[in-house]
Amino acid sequence: MGRAVAELAEERGHVVHAIIGREENAGGAALTRERLAGVDAAIEFTRPDAVVANLERLIDAGIPTVTGTTGWSAELPRVARLVEARRGALLHAANFSVGVHLFLRAARDLAARFAGRPEFDSFILEEHHAAKVDAPSGTAAALRGRLREADPAREFPITSVRAGSIPGTHVVTYDGPHDTVALSHVARSRRGFAAGAVAAAEWLPGRAGVHDFEEMLFGGAG
């Protein structure tokens, strides 16, 4: 993701100030005010065990930050309090694909159509590359949340696959005695996620508080 973000940012006319890898950034140690001087926004894609320390250092340094790391939602209230105290800016999302966010809305609409039809079993399958740590994915969790909004009587169990170099696939299926209905999103490369992250980094400076990608895309409309 780091390479994809850097390539797209440069294609859009931005200057990449630094790319900081985990080898030099234990506990966010490389994210100093001096190192970040002149930076308009930071894009953070790391791991669940590194993200919170990174965000704390970036927020303390006054850098508007976009993060696509997943697996840390339990810490979001604490990070949000820090953003508020520092009058900072943070935009977080489990997925920066525009297509995914349209998919989530379509899935919610589909769930409303299937509500009250117990003859159909429903379930979610998500597949990602072997190096992805968290399972289920943040997008799968968001998908289940949208489905349950429209049909709280169903559980929507999630099956996760971690193999190969799959960028990301999410499928919600309704399987009945005579037919099957499925809605899917398949990412063909990481560039779609990178494009959304760069767009978010362009949008965030000048704003305060905690935001998400859907707010940026749809203005907070349901």
Protein backbone atom coordinates (compact mmCIF):
# COMPACT_ATOMS: atom_id res chain seq x y z
CA MET A 1 0.00 0.00 0.00
CA GLY A 2 2.82 2.41 0.79
CA ARG A 3 4.28 2.10 -2.69
CA ALA A 4 0.86 2.41 -4.33
CA VAL A 5 0.03 5.52 -2.30
CA ALA A 6 3.38 7.15 -3.08
CA GLU A 7 3.06 6.47 -6.81
CA LEU A 8 -0.46 7.89 -7.02
CA ALA A 9 0.37 10.91 -4.88
CA GLU A 10 3.23 11.82 -7.21
CA GLU A 11 1.03 11.25 -10.24
CA ARG A 12 -1.42 13.78 -8.76
CA GLY A 13 1.33 16.36 -8.36
CA HIS A 14 2.13 15.94 -4.67
CA VAL A 15 5.58 15.73 -3.12
CA VAL A 16 6.15 12.64 -0.98
CA HIS A 17 8.04 13.97 2.04
CA ALA A 18 9.01 10.60 3.49
CA ILE A 19 8.12 6.92 3.47
CA ILE A 20 8.69 5.52 6.95
CA GLY A 21 8.95 1.75 7.41
CA ARG A 22 8.49 -0.29 10.54
CA GLU A 23 12.21 -1.04 10.89
CA GLU A 24 12.92 2.57 11.91
CA ASN A 25 9.62 3.34 13.58
CA ALA A 26 9.24 1.12 16.65
CA GLY A 27 6.62 2.72 18.87
CA GLY A 28 6.30 5.64 16.43
CA ALA A 29 9.86 6.78 17.24
CA ALA A 30 10.53 8.10 13.72
CA LEU A 31 7.44 10.34 13.73
CA THR A 32 9.08 13.43 15.24
CA ARG A 33 8.09 17.05 14.73
CA GLU A 34 11.44 17.64 13.05
CA ARG A 35 10.99 14.75 10.63
CA LEU A 36 7.44 15.85 9.82
CA ALA A 37 8.14 19.57 9.38
CA GLY A 38 6.42 20.89 6.26
CA VAL A 39 4.08 17.90 5.89
CA ASP A 40 0.48 18.78 4.97
CA ALA A 41 -0.98 15.30 5.65
CA ALA A 42 0.13 11.80 6.56
CA ILE A 43 -1.25 8.51 5.23
CA GLU A 44 -0.88 5.61 7.64
CA PHE A 45 -1.17 1.98 6.51
CA THR A 46 0.53 -0.32 9.00
CA ARG A 47 -0.53 -3.09 11.40
CA PRO A 48 -2.92 -3.28 14.36
CA ASP A 49 -0.02 -3.45 16.82
CA ALA A 50 1.57 -0.25 15.45
CA VAL A 51 -1.29 2.01 14.42
CA VAL A 52 -2.26 3.58 17.75
CA ALA A 53 1.29 4.68 18.61
CA ASN A 54 1.67 6.11 15.11
CA LEU A 55 -1.59 8.05 15.36
CA GLU A 56 -0.68 9.43 18.77
CA ARG A 57 2.65 10.72 17.49
CA LEU A 58 1.15 12.19 14.33
CA ILE A 59 -1.69 13.90 16.20
CA ASP A 60 0.73 15.30 18.79
CA ALA A 61 2.81 16.67 15.91
CA GLY A 62 -0.25 18.45 14.48
CA ILE A 63 -0.35 16.45 11.24
CA PRO A 64 -3.77 15.74 9.65
CA THR A 65 -3.73 11.97 9.31
CA VAL A 66 -5.51 9.42 7.14
CA THR A 67 -5.35 5.81 8.31
CA GLY A 68 -6.48 2.66 6.58
CA THR A 69 -5.13 0.25 9.18
CA THR A 70 -7.78 -2.04 10.65
CA GLY A 71 -8.04 -4.09 13.82
CA TRP A 72 -7.82 -1.20 16.33
CA SER A 73 -11.44 -0.01 16.63
CA ALA A 74 -11.50 -0.62 20.39
CA GLU A 75 -8.92 2.16 20.76
CA LEU A 76 -10.79 4.66 18.58
CA PRO A 77 -12.56 6.47 21.47
CA ARG A 78 -9.21 7.14 23.17
CA VAL A 79 -7.60 8.33 19.95
CA ALA A 80 -10.65 10.52 19.24
CA ARG A 81 -10.24 12.19 22.64
CA LEU A 82 -6.63 12.98 21.78
CA VAL A 83 -7.69 14.43 18.41
CA GLU A 84 -10.20 16.66 20.19
CA ALA A 85 -7.72 17.74 22.87
CA ARG A 86 -5.08 18.64 20.25
CA ARG A 87 -7.63 20.13 17.84
CA GLY A 88 -6.27 17.74 15.27
CA ALA A 89 -7.75 15.95 12.27
CA LEU A 90 -8.08 12.23 11.63
CA LEU A 91 -9.85 10.33 8.87
CA HIS A 92 -10.13 6.57 9.31
CA ALA A 93 -11.66 3.85 7.17
CA ALA A 94 -11.53 0.10 6.90
CA ASN A 95 -11.55 0.46 3.13
CA PHE A 96 -10.77 3.38 0.81
CA SER A 97 -12.38 1.96 -2.32
CA VAL A 98 -15.25 4.06 -3.66
CA GLY A 99 -16.71 0.87 -5.12
CA VAL A 100 -16.70 -0.80 -1.71
CA HIS A 101 -18.70 2.02 -0.14
CA LEU A 102 -21.27 1.84 -2.91
CA PHE A 103 -21.30 -1.95 -2.40
CA LEU A 104 -22.02 -1.49 1.32
CA ARG A 105 -25.04 0.67 0.53
CA ALA A 106 -26.30 -1.80 -2.06
CA ALA A 107 -25.86 -4.65 0.44
CA ARG A 108 -27.97 -2.83 3.01
CA ASP A 109 -30.71 -2.36 0.43
CA LEU A 110 -30.52 -6.05 -0.52
CA ALA A 111 -30.78 -7.09 3.14
CA ALA A 112 -33.97 -5.07 3.50
CA ARG A 113 -35.45 -7.00 0.55
CA PHE A 114 -34.60 -10.36 2.14
CA ALA A 115 -35.76 -9.46 5.65
CA GLY A 116 -38.55 -11.76 6.80
CA ARG A 117 -37.65 -14.54 4.35
CA PRO A 118 -36.20 -17.28 6.59
CA GLU A 119 -36.06 -19.81 3.76
CA PHE A 120 -32.85 -18.07 2.65
CA ASP A 121 -29.66 -18.63 4.64
CA SER A 122 -27.28 -15.68 4.59
CA PHE A 123 -23.53 -15.47 5.07
CA ILE A 124 -20.44 -13.43 4.20
CA LEU A 125 -17.20 -14.63 2.61
CA GLU A 126 -14.12 -12.41 2.59
CA GLU A 127 -10.71 -13.23 1.09
CA HIS A 128 -7.41 -11.37 1.47
CA HIS A 129 -3.69 -11.90 0.97
CA ALA A 130 -1.79 -14.15 3.33
CA ALA A 131 -0.03 -11.25 5.10
CA LYS A 132 -3.23 -9.62 6.33
CA VAL A 133 -3.28 -10.00 10.11
CA ASP A 134 -6.84 -9.23 11.19
CA ALA A 135 -9.75 -11.54 10.44
CA PRO A 136 -12.50 -10.85 9.72
CA SER A 137 -11.50 -7.79 7.74
CA GLY A 138 -12.67 -4.35 8.77
CA THR A 139 -14.71 -4.19 5.58
CA ALA A 140 -16.41 -7.51 6.38
CA ALA A 141 -17.28 -6.24 9.84
CA ALA A 142 -18.68 -3.04 8.32
CA LEU A 143 -20.63 -5.11 5.80
CA ARG A 144 -22.18 -7.22 8.55
CA GLY A 145 -23.09 -4.05 10.42
CA ARG A 146 -24.92 -2.65 7.39
CA LEU A 147 -26.74 -5.92 6.81
CA ARG A 148 -27.86 -6.12 10.43
CA GLU A 149 -29.16 -2.55 10.29
CA ALA A 150 -31.62 -3.69 7.63
CA ASP A 151 -32.27 -7.21 8.96
CA PRO A 152 -31.42 -7.57 12.68
CA ALA A 153 -32.96 -11.05 12.85
CA ARG A 154 -30.04 -12.57 10.95
CA GLU A 155 -26.51 -13.27 12.22
CA PHE A 156 -24.65 -12.97 8.87
CA PRO A 157 -21.70 -15.22 9.85
CA ILE A 158 -18.34 -14.37 8.28
CA THR A 159 -15.84 -16.81 6.78
CA SER A 160 -12.33 -15.42 6.25
CA VAL A 161 -9.66 -16.73 3.88
CA ARG A 162 -6.01 -15.62 4.03
CA ALA A 163 -4.01 -16.88 1.06
CA GLY A 164 -1.76 -15.77 -1.76
CA SER A 165 -1.80 -12.14 -2.81
CA ILE A 166 -5.57 -11.48 -3.04
CA PRO A 167 -6.14 -7.68 -2.77
CA GLY A 168 -9.64 -8.16 -1.32
CA THR A 169 -12.92 -9.93 -2.11
CA HIS A 170 -16.20 -9.61 -0.18
CA VAL A 171 -19.37 -11.54 -1.00
CA VAL A 172 -22.74 -11.60 0.76
CA THR A 173 -24.85 -14.59 -0.25
CA TYR A 174 -28.49 -15.56 0.26
CA ASP A 175 -28.96 -19.25 -0.38
CA GLY A 176 -32.47 -20.66 -0.67
CA PRO A 177 -33.94 -24.07 -1.49
CA HIS A 178 -34.29 -23.26 -5.18
CA ASP A 179 -31.90 -20.41 -5.96
CA THR A 180 -28.95 -18.33 -4.75
CA VAL A 181 -28.48 -14.57 -4.78
CA ALA A 182 -25.02 -13.08 -4.26
CA LEU A 183 -23.64 -9.55 -4.21
CA SER A 184 -19.88 -9.15 -4.42
CA HIS A 185 -17.04 -6.66 -4.58
CA VAL A 186 -13.71 -7.80 -6.02
CA ALA A 187 -10.66 -5.56 -5.90
CA ARG A 188 -8.36 -6.02 -8.88
CA SER A 189 -5.39 -4.18 -7.36
CA ARG A 190 -4.36 -1.99 -4.43
CA ARG A 191 -4.44 1.15 -6.59
CA GLY A 192 -8.17 1.62 -5.97
CA PHE A 193 -7.56 1.76 -2.22
CA ALA A 194 -4.55 4.02 -2.69
CA ALA A 195 -6.53 6.46 -4.85
CA GLY A 196 -9.16 6.83 -2.14
CA ALA A 197 -6.52 7.35 0.55
CA VAL A 198 -4.79 10.07 -1.46
CA ALA A 199 -8.14 11.77 -2.11
CA ALA A 200 -8.83 11.67 1.63
CA ALA A 201 -5.45 13.25 2.35
CA GLU A 202 -6.34 16.05 -0.07
CA TRP A 203 -9.71 16.59 1.63
CA LEU A 204 -8.66 16.48 5.30
CA PRO A 205 -6.33 19.49 5.81
CA GLY A 206 -8.25 22.48 7.11
CA ARG A 207 -10.81 20.29 8.87
CA ALA A 208 -10.83 19.32 12.53
CA GLY A 209 -12.05 16.27 14.40
CA VAL A 210 -12.53 12.62 13.48
CA HIS A 211 -14.01 11.77 10.10
CA ASP A 212 -14.59 8.69 7.99
CA PHE A 213 -14.39 8.03 4.27
CA GLU A 214 -18.14 7.78 3.86
CA GLU A 215 -18.54 11.31 5.21
CA MET A 216 -16.06 12.52 2.63
CA LEU A 217 -17.80 10.64 -0.21
CA PHE A 218 -21.43 11.26 0.66
CA GLY A 219 -21.41 14.19 3.06
CA GLY A 220 -22.74 12.07 5.89
CA ALA A 221 -25.95 11.15 4.03
CA GLY A 222 -27.40 7.75 4.91
